[in-house]
Amino acid sequence: MAELKFEITEHIAVLGESSRGWTKELNKVSWNDYPAKYDIREWSPDHARMGKGVTLSEEEFENLRRVLNGEEPLDRDGDDVDESEII
């Protein structure tokens, strides 16, 4: 199995901590030398090991931010999504 290469390029926030000392964090992470994306996952205290997580593009992160703030998400063209068009 190929080695997974990663670099935390920006630490944004610690969202919580488990009893074993791992922290759930929001970071920007570059995976295998690709451009960094927003990433939510648990990390060991030394950041050498990680749990399963979710990686979001800029557009996906912006839509998550909008939804959490009670706003409508944007469609691919940057316009508000019309809820009547959602199946």
PDB file of N, CA and C in Angstrom:
ATOM      1  N   MET A   1       0.842  -1.185   0.000  1.00  0.00           N
ATOM      2  CA  MET A   1       0.000   0.000   0.000  1.00  0.00           C
ATOM      3  C   MET A   1       0.886   1.247   0.000  1.00  0.00           C
ATOM      4  N   ALA A   2       0.552   2.204  -0.838  1.00  0.00           N
ATOM      5  CA  ALA A   2       1.322   3.437  -0.939  1.00  0.00           C
ATOM      6  C   ALA A   2       1.187   4.259   0.329  1.00  0.00           C
ATOM      7  N   GLU A   3       2.269   4.959   0.649  1.00  0.00           N
ATOM      8  CA  GLU A   3       2.262   5.805   1.837  1.00  0.00           C
ATOM      9  C   GLU A   3       1.405   7.042   1.590  1.00  0.00           C
ATOM     10  N   LEU A   4       0.608   7.398   2.582  1.00  0.00           N
ATOM     11  CA  LEU A   4      -0.243   8.585   2.498  1.00  0.00           C
ATOM     12  C   LEU A   4       0.578   9.788   2.936  1.00  0.00           C
ATOM     13  N   LYS A   5       0.671  10.782   2.081  1.00  0.00           N
ATOM     14  CA  LYS A   5       1.426  11.987   2.386  1.00  0.00           C
ATOM     15  C   LYS A   5       0.442  13.108   2.675  1.00  0.00           C
ATOM     16  N   PHE A   6       0.681  13.822   3.766  1.00  0.00           N
ATOM     17  CA  PHE A   6      -0.203  14.940   4.099  1.00  0.00           C
ATOM     18  C   PHE A   6       0.588  16.052   4.771  1.00  0.00           C
ATOM     19  N   GLU A   7       0.049  17.264   4.655  1.00  0.00           N
ATOM     20  CA  GLU A   7       0.616  18.419   5.335  1.00  0.00           C
ATOM     21  C   GLU A   7      -0.534  19.314   5.779  1.00  0.00           C
ATOM     22  N   ILE A   8      -0.586  19.604   7.062  1.00  0.00           N
ATOM     23  CA  ILE A   8      -1.567  20.578   7.568  1.00  0.00           C
ATOM     24  C   ILE A   8      -1.003  21.948   7.226  1.00  0.00           C
ATOM     25  N   THR A   9      -1.640  22.621   6.272  1.00  0.00           N
ATOM     26  CA  THR A   9      -1.133  23.910   5.815  1.00  0.00           C
ATOM     27  C   THR A   9      -1.707  25.073   6.619  1.00  0.00           C
ATOM     28  N   GLU A  10      -2.861  24.846   7.250  1.00  0.00           N
ATOM     29  CA  GLU A  10      -3.478  25.896   8.086  1.00  0.00           C
ATOM     30  C   GLU A  10      -4.312  25.238   9.171  1.00  0.00           C
ATOM     31  N   HIS A  11      -3.979  25.543  10.415  1.00  0.00           N
ATOM     32  CA  HIS A  11      -4.786  25.066  11.535  1.00  0.00           C
ATOM     33  C   HIS A  11      -5.847  26.133  11.801  1.00  0.00           C
ATOM     34  N   ILE A  12      -7.124  25.732  11.733  1.00  0.00           N
ATOM     35  CA  ILE A  12      -8.206  26.718  11.886  1.00  0.00           C
ATOM     36  C   ILE A  12      -8.817  26.659  13.278  1.00  0.00           C
ATOM     37  N   ALA A  13      -9.188  25.449  13.751  1.00  0.00           N
ATOM     38  CA  ALA A  13      -9.839  25.364  15.063  1.00  0.00           C
ATOM     39  C   ALA A  13      -9.833  23.945  15.596  1.00  0.00           C
ATOM     40  N   VAL A  14      -9.805  23.834  16.924  1.00  0.00           N
ATOM     41  CA  VAL A  14     -10.071  22.566  17.608  1.00  0.00           C
ATOM     42  C   VAL A  14     -11.552  22.587  17.952  1.00  0.00           C
ATOM     43  N   LEU A  15     -12.290  21.572  17.496  1.00  0.00           N
ATOM     44  CA  LEU A  15     -13.737  21.515  17.704  1.00  0.00           C
ATOM     45  C   LEU A  15     -14.102  20.739  18.955  1.00  0.00           C
ATOM     46  N   GLY A  16     -13.212  19.873  19.434  1.00  0.00           N
ATOM     47  CA  GLY A  16     -13.464  19.086  20.628  1.00  0.00           C
ATOM     48  C   GLY A  16     -12.289  18.187  20.920  1.00  0.00           C
ATOM     49  N   GLU A  17     -12.321  17.554  22.107  1.00  0.00           N
ATOM     50  CA  GLU A  17     -11.247  16.642  22.499  1.00  0.00           C
ATOM     51  C   GLU A  17     -11.848  15.408  23.142  1.00  0.00           C
ATOM     52  N   SER A  18     -11.309  14.245  22.784  1.00  0.00           N
ATOM     53  CA  SER A  18     -11.789  12.983  23.350  1.00  0.00           C
ATOM     54  C   SER A  18     -11.066  12.700  24.663  1.00  0.00           C
ATOM     55  N   SER A  19     -11.573  11.711  25.390  1.00  0.00           N
ATOM     56  CA  SER A  19     -10.967  11.346  26.673  1.00  0.00           C
ATOM     57  C   SER A  19      -9.556  10.786  26.512  1.00  0.00           C
ATOM     58  N   ARG A  20      -9.225  10.299  25.327  1.00  0.00           N
ATOM     59  CA  ARG A  20      -7.891   9.754  25.090  1.00  0.00           C
ATOM     60  C   ARG A  20      -6.912  10.803  24.565  1.00  0.00           C
ATOM     61  N   GLY A  21      -7.344  12.062  24.486  1.00  0.00           N
ATOM     62  CA  GLY A  21      -6.466  13.161  24.107  1.00  0.00           C
ATOM     63  C   GLY A  21      -6.450  13.520  22.639  1.00  0.00           C
ATOM     64  N   TRP A  22      -7.187  12.768  21.809  1.00  0.00           N
ATOM     65  CA  TRP A  22      -7.269  13.118  20.396  1.00  0.00           C
ATOM     66  C   TRP A  22      -8.176  14.333  20.247  1.00  0.00           C
ATOM     67  N   THR A  23      -7.891  15.184  19.273  1.00  0.00           N
ATOM     68  CA  THR A  23      -8.696  16.381  19.056  1.00  0.00           C
ATOM     69  C   THR A  23      -9.368  16.322  17.693  1.00  0.00           C
ATOM     70  N   LYS A  24     -10.628  16.732  17.665  1.00  0.00           N
ATOM     71  CA  LYS A  24     -11.340  16.878  16.389  1.00  0.00           C
ATOM     72  C   LYS A  24     -11.061  18.305  15.932  1.00  0.00           C
ATOM     73  N   GLU A  25     -10.526  18.423  14.715  1.00  0.00           N
ATOM     74  CA  GLU A  25     -10.038  19.716  14.251  1.00  0.00           C
ATOM     75  C   GLU A  25     -10.564  20.069  12.861  1.00  0.00           C
ATOM     76  N   LEU A  26     -10.644  21.366  12.629  1.00  0.00           N
ATOM     77  CA  LEU A  26     -10.880  21.919  11.292  1.00  0.00           C
ATOM     78  C   LEU A  26      -9.557  22.502  10.838  1.00  0.00           C
ATOM     79  N   ASN A  27      -9.022  21.948   9.758  1.00  0.00           N
ATOM     80  CA  ASN A  27      -7.740  22.394   9.204  1.00  0.00           C
ATOM     81  C   ASN A  27      -7.856  22.484   7.694  1.00  0.00           C
ATOM     82  N   LYS A  28      -6.854  23.096   7.085  1.00  0.00           N
ATOM     83  CA  LYS A  28      -6.653  22.955   5.645  1.00  0.00           C
ATOM     84  C   LYS A  28      -5.490  21.992   5.498  1.00  0.00           C
ATOM     85  N   VAL A  29      -5.735  20.909   4.730  1.00  0.00           N
ATOM     86  CA  VAL A  29      -4.750  19.843   4.595  1.00  0.00           C
ATOM     87  C   VAL A  29      -4.489  19.575   3.118  1.00  0.00           C
ATOM     88  N   SER A  30      -3.216  19.447   2.792  1.00  0.00           N
ATOM     89  CA  SER A  30      -2.796  19.019   1.464  1.00  0.00           C
ATOM     90  C   SER A  30      -2.546  17.518   1.536  1.00  0.00           C
ATOM     91  N   TRP A  31      -3.276  16.751   0.724  1.00  0.00           N
ATOM     92  CA  TRP A  31      -3.129  15.299   0.679  1.00  0.00           C
ATOM     93  C   TRP A  31      -2.359  14.930  -0.577  1.00  0.00           C
ATOM     94  N   ASN A  32      -1.262  14.192  -0.422  1.00  0.00           N
ATOM     95  CA  ASN A  32      -0.449  13.713  -1.551  1.00  0.00           C
ATOM     96  C   ASN A  32      -0.067  14.836  -2.515  1.00  0.00           C
ATOM     97  N   ASP A  33       0.330  15.976  -1.954  1.00  0.00           N
ATOM     98  CA  ASP A  33       0.827  17.141  -2.712  1.00  0.00           C
ATOM     99  C   ASP A  33      -0.234  17.838  -3.563  1.00  0.00           C
ATOM    100  N   TYR A  34      -1.521  17.514  -3.363  1.00  0.00           N
ATOM    101  CA  TYR A  34      -2.599  18.242  -4.047  1.00  0.00           C
ATOM    102  C   TYR A  34      -2.878  19.536  -3.286  1.00  0.00           C
ATOM    103  N   PRO A  35      -3.562  20.502  -3.918  1.00  0.00           N
ATOM    104  CA  PRO A  35      -3.902  21.734  -3.208  1.00  0.00           C
ATOM    105  C   PRO A  35      -4.696  21.431  -1.930  1.00  0.00           C
ATOM    106  N   ALA A  36      -4.435  22.219  -0.902  1.00  0.00           N
ATOM    107  CA  ALA A  36      -5.073  22.011   0.401  1.00  0.00           C
ATOM    108  C   ALA A  36      -6.581  22.210   0.312  1.00  0.00           C
ATOM    109  N   LYS A  37      -7.299  21.378   1.073  1.00  0.00           N
ATOM    110  CA  LYS A  37      -8.753  21.474   1.190  1.00  0.00           C
ATOM    111  C   LYS A  37      -9.113  21.549   2.663  1.00  0.00           C
ATOM    112  N   TYR A  38     -10.330  22.011   2.946  1.00  0.00           N
ATOM    113  CA  TYR A  38     -10.819  22.014   4.319  1.00  0.00           C
ATOM    114  C   TYR A  38     -11.004  20.574   4.763  1.00  0.00           C
ATOM    115  N   ASP A  39     -10.665  20.291   6.011  1.00  0.00           N
ATOM    116  CA  ASP A  39     -10.660  18.922   6.497  1.00  0.00           C
ATOM    117  C   ASP A  39     -11.109  18.903   7.950  1.00  0.00           C
ATOM    118  N   ILE A  40     -12.072  18.013   8.252  1.00  0.00           N
ATOM    119  CA  ILE A  40     -12.548  17.825   9.622  1.00  0.00           C
ATOM    120  C   ILE A  40     -12.287  16.371   9.984  1.00  0.00           C
ATOM    121  N   ARG A  41     -11.463  16.136  11.035  1.00  0.00           N
ATOM    122  CA  ARG A  41     -11.174  14.776  11.488  1.00  0.00           C
ATOM    123  C   ARG A  41     -10.494  14.829  12.852  1.00  0.00           C
ATOM    124  N   GLU A  42     -10.384  13.639  13.476  1.00  0.00           N
ATOM    125  CA  GLU A  42      -9.670  13.529  14.736  1.00  0.00           C
ATOM    126  C   GLU A  42      -8.187  13.302  14.470  1.00  0.00           C
ATOM    127  N   TRP A  43      -7.369  13.923  15.318  1.00  0.00           N
ATOM    128  CA  TRP A  43      -5.910  13.795  15.225  1.00  0.00           C
ATOM    129  C   TRP A  43      -5.352  13.378  16.576  1.00  0.00           C
ATOM    130  N   SER A  44      -4.289  12.547  16.527  1.00  0.00           N
ATOM    131  CA  SER A  44      -3.570  12.209  17.755  1.00  0.00           C
ATOM    132  C   SER A  44      -2.861  13.470  18.260  1.00  0.00           C
ATOM    133  N   PRO A  45      -2.451  13.480  19.530  1.00  0.00           N
ATOM    134  CA  PRO A  45      -1.814  14.690  20.061  1.00  0.00           C
ATOM    135  C   PRO A  45      -0.598  15.169  19.266  1.00  0.00           C
ATOM    136  N   ASP A  46       0.178  14.250  18.663  1.00  0.00           N
ATOM    137  CA  ASP A  46       1.351  14.655  17.892  1.00  0.00           C
ATOM    138  C   ASP A  46       1.066  14.816  16.393  1.00  0.00           C
ATOM    139  N   HIS A  47      -0.187  14.661  15.997  1.00  0.00           N
ATOM    140  CA  HIS A  47      -0.630  14.772  14.600  1.00  0.00           C
ATOM    141  C   HIS A  47       0.039  13.754  13.671  1.00  0.00           C
ATOM    142  N   ALA A  48       0.548  12.661  14.232  1.00  0.00           N
ATOM    143  CA  ALA A  48       1.152  11.607  13.417  1.00  0.00           C
ATOM    144  C   ALA A  48       0.105  10.604  12.948  1.00  0.00           C
ATOM    145  N   ARG A  49      -1.003  10.488  13.688  1.00  0.00           N
ATOM    146  CA  ARG A  49      -2.079   9.570  13.327  1.00  0.00           C
ATOM    147  C   ARG A  49      -3.382  10.340  13.257  1.00  0.00           C
ATOM    148  N   MET A  50      -4.307   9.810  12.446  1.00  0.00           N
ATOM    149  CA  MET A  50      -5.582  10.494  12.260  1.00  0.00           C
ATOM    150  C   MET A  50      -6.706   9.483  12.172  1.00  0.00           C
ATOM    151  N   GLY A  51      -7.919   9.945  12.448  1.00  0.00           N
ATOM    152  CA  GLY A  51      -9.109   9.133  12.270  1.00  0.00           C
ATOM    153  C   GLY A  51      -9.747   9.440  10.926  1.00  0.00           C
ATOM    154  N   LYS A  52     -10.865   8.779  10.676  1.00  0.00           N
ATOM    155  CA  LYS A  52     -11.612   9.071   9.446  1.00  0.00           C
ATOM    156  C   LYS A  52     -12.157  10.487   9.524  1.00  0.00           C
ATOM    157  N   GLY A  53     -12.300  11.096   8.358  1.00  0.00           N
ATOM    158  CA  GLY A  53     -12.762  12.468   8.356  1.00  0.00           C
ATOM    159  C   GLY A  53     -13.482  12.828   7.076  1.00  0.00           C
ATOM    160  N   VAL A  54     -13.728  14.111   6.945  1.00  0.00           N
ATOM    161  CA  VAL A  54     -14.421  14.672   5.788  1.00  0.00           C
ATOM    162  C   VAL A  54     -13.548  15.773   5.217  1.00  0.00           C
ATOM    163  N   THR A  55     -13.351  15.736   3.895  1.00  0.00           N
ATOM    164  CA  THR A  55     -12.585  16.759   3.201  1.00  0.00           C
ATOM    165  C   THR A  55     -13.533  17.526   2.285  1.00  0.00           C
ATOM    166  N   LEU A  56     -13.458  18.859   2.328  1.00  0.00           N
ATOM    167  CA  LEU A  56     -14.377  19.717   1.584  1.00  0.00           C
ATOM    168  C   LEU A  56     -13.616  20.691   0.698  1.00  0.00           C
ATOM    169  N   SER A  57     -14.119  20.863  -0.521  1.00  0.00           N
ATOM    170  CA  SER A  57     -13.573  21.892  -1.407  1.00  0.00           C
ATOM    171  C   SER A  57     -13.988  23.269  -0.877  1.00  0.00           C
ATOM    172  N   GLU A  58     -13.427  24.317  -1.459  1.00  0.00           N
ATOM    173  CA  GLU A  58     -13.816  25.688  -1.078  1.00  0.00           C
ATOM    174  C   GLU A  58     -15.322  25.875  -1.221  1.00  0.00           C
ATOM    175  N   GLU A  59     -15.884  25.403  -2.355  1.00  0.00           N
ATOM    176  CA  GLU A  59     -17.322  25.559  -2.615  1.00  0.00           C
ATOM    177  C   GLU A  59     -18.152  24.785  -1.586  1.00  0.00           C
ATOM    178  N   GLU A  60     -17.754  23.561  -1.289  1.00  0.00           N
ATOM    179  CA  GLU A  60     -18.490  22.759  -0.301  1.00  0.00           C
ATOM    180  C   GLU A  60     -18.410  23.383   1.078  1.00  0.00           C
ATOM    181  N   PHE A  61     -17.233  23.898   1.436  1.00  0.00           N
ATOM    182  CA  PHE A  61     -17.076  24.537   2.745  1.00  0.00           C
ATOM    183  C   PHE A  61     -17.945  25.793   2.834  1.00  0.00           C
ATOM    184  N   GLU A  62     -17.971  26.575   1.773  1.00  0.00           N
ATOM    185  CA  GLU A  62     -18.813  27.786   1.750  1.00  0.00           C
ATOM    186  C   GLU A  62     -20.281  27.413   1.900  1.00  0.00           C
ATOM    187  N   ASN A  63     -20.729  26.351   1.229  1.00  0.00           N
ATOM    188  CA  ASN A  63     -22.122  25.918   1.376  1.00  0.00           C
ATOM    189  C   ASN A  63     -22.408  25.441   2.797  1.00  0.00           C
ATOM    190  N   LEU A  64     -21.482  24.727   3.405  1.00  0.00           N
ATOM    191  CA  LEU A  64     -21.656  24.297   4.800  1.00  0.00           C
ATOM    192  C   LEU A  64     -21.769  25.512   5.707  1.00  0.00           C
ATOM    193  N   ARG A  65     -20.881  26.486   5.518  1.00  0.00           N
ATOM    194  CA  ARG A  65     -20.922  27.712   6.322  1.00  0.00           C
ATOM    195  C   ARG A  65     -22.259  28.421   6.167  1.00  0.00           C
ATOM    196  N   ARG A  66     -22.737  28.518   4.925  1.00  0.00           N
ATOM    197  CA  ARG A  66     -24.009  29.191   4.672  1.00  0.00           C
ATOM    198  C   ARG A  66     -25.171  28.457   5.348  1.00  0.00           C
ATOM    199  N   VAL A  67     -25.212  27.134   5.214  1.00  0.00           N
ATOM    200  CA  VAL A  67     -26.294  26.349   5.817  1.00  0.00           C
ATOM    201  C   VAL A  67     -26.278  26.502   7.340  1.00  0.00           C
ATOM    202  N   LEU A  68     -25.101  26.456   7.954  1.00  0.00           N
ATOM    203  CA  LEU A  68     -24.999  26.603   9.406  1.00  0.00           C
ATOM    204  C   LEU A  68     -25.421  27.992   9.873  1.00  0.00           C
ATOM    205  N   ASN A  69     -25.298  28.981   8.999  1.00  0.00           N
ATOM    206  CA  ASN A  69     -25.723  30.342   9.320  1.00  0.00           C
ATOM    207  C   ASN A  69     -27.170  30.624   8.913  1.00  0.00           C
ATOM    208  N   GLY A  70     -27.900  29.579   8.487  1.00  0.00           N
ATOM    209  CA  GLY A  70     -29.299  29.742   8.126  1.00  0.00           C
ATOM    210  C   GLY A  70     -29.514  30.344   6.747  1.00  0.00           C
ATOM    211  N   GLU A  71     -28.494  30.321   5.913  1.00  0.00           N
ATOM    212  CA  GLU A  71     -28.583  30.867   4.556  1.00  0.00           C
ATOM    213  C   GLU A  71     -28.791  29.736   3.560  1.00  0.00           C
ATOM    214  N   GLU A  72     -29.181  30.104   2.357  1.00  0.00           N
ATOM    215  CA  GLU A  72     -29.341  29.127   1.285  1.00  0.00           C
ATOM    216  C   GLU A  72     -27.968  28.770   0.727  1.00  0.00           C
ATOM    217  N   PRO A  73     -27.741  27.499   0.390  1.00  0.00           N
ATOM    218  CA  PRO A  73     -26.472  27.144  -0.264  1.00  0.00           C
ATOM    219  C   PRO A  73     -26.423  27.716  -1.669  1.00  0.00           C
ATOM    220  N   LEU A  74     -25.219  27.803  -2.209  1.00  0.00           N
ATOM    221  CA  LEU A  74     -25.027  28.307  -3.569  1.00  0.00           C
ATOM    222  C   LEU A  74     -25.007  27.149  -4.543  1.00  0.00           C
ATOM    223  N   ASP A  75     -25.508  27.375  -5.772  1.00  0.00           N
ATOM    224  CA  ASP A  75     -25.384  26.346  -6.801  1.00  0.00           C
ATOM    225  C   ASP A  75     -24.008  26.487  -7.445  1.00  0.00           C
ATOM    226  N   ARG A  76     -23.732  25.726  -8.461  1.00  0.00           N
ATOM    227  CA  ARG A  76     -22.402  25.737  -9.086  1.00  0.00           C
ATOM    228  C   ARG A  76     -22.049  27.068  -9.723  1.00  0.00           C
ATOM    229  N   ASP A  77     -23.055  27.876 -10.055  1.00  0.00           N
ATOM    230  CA  ASP A  77     -22.808  29.174 -10.672  1.00  0.00           C
ATOM    231  C   ASP A  77     -22.646  30.282  -9.643  1.00  0.00           C
ATOM    232  N   GLY A  78     -22.736  29.924  -8.343  1.00  0.00           N
ATOM    233  CA  GLY A  78     -22.604  30.930  -7.296  1.00  0.00           C
ATOM    234  C   GLY A  78     -23.908  31.612  -6.940  1.00  0.00           C
ATOM    235  N   ASP A  79     -25.036  31.095  -7.464  1.00  0.00           N
ATOM    236  CA  ASP A  79     -26.353  31.662  -7.164  1.00  0.00           C
ATOM    237  C   ASP A  79     -26.998  30.880  -6.049  1.00  0.00           C
ATOM    238  N   ASP A  80     -27.942  31.515  -5.328  1.00  0.00           N
ATOM    239  CA  ASP A  80     -28.691  30.791  -4.314  1.00  0.00           C
ATOM    240  C   ASP A  80     -29.447  29.638  -4.965  1.00  0.00           C
ATOM    241  N   VAL A  81     -29.534  28.506  -4.265  1.00  0.00           N
ATOM    242  CA  VAL A  81     -30.272  27.348  -4.761  1.00  0.00           C
ATOM    243  C   VAL A  81     -31.757  27.589  -4.527  1.00  0.00           C
ATOM    244  N   ASP A  82     -32.568  27.346  -5.567  1.00  0.00           N
ATOM    245  CA  ASP A  82     -34.021  27.457  -5.462  1.00  0.00           C
ATOM    246  C   ASP A  82     -34.527  26.127  -4.912  1.00  0.00           C
ATOM    247  N   GLU A  83     -35.070  26.153  -3.682  1.00  0.00           N
ATOM    248  CA  GLU A  83     -35.527  24.914  -3.036  1.00  0.00           C
ATOM    249  C   GLU A  83     -36.594  24.192  -3.836  1.00  0.00           C
ATOM    250  N   SER A  84     -37.354  24.895  -4.681  1.00  0.00           N
ATOM    251  CA  SER A  84     -38.377  24.227  -5.479  1.00  0.00           C
ATOM    252  C   SER A  84     -37.760  23.338  -6.551  1.00  0.00           C
ATOM    253  N   GLU A  85     -36.464  23.551  -6.851  1.00  0.00           N
ATOM    254  CA  GLU A  85     -35.782  22.734  -7.856  1.00  0.00           C
ATOM    255  C   GLU A  85     -35.183  21.455  -7.258  1.00  0.00           C
ATOM    256  N   ILE A  86     -35.183  21.347  -5.926  1.00  0.00           N
ATOM    257  CA  ILE A  86     -34.610  20.168  -5.267  1.00  0.00           C
ATOM    258  C   ILE A  86     -35.651  19.063  -5.257  1.00  0.00           C
ATOM    259  N   ILE A  87     -35.230  17.887  -5.698  1.00  0.00           N
ATOM    260  CA  ILE A  87     -36.154  16.746  -5.768  1.00  0.00           C
ATOM    261  C   ILE A  87     -36.276  16.118  -4.408  1.00  0.00           C
TER     262      ILE A  87
END
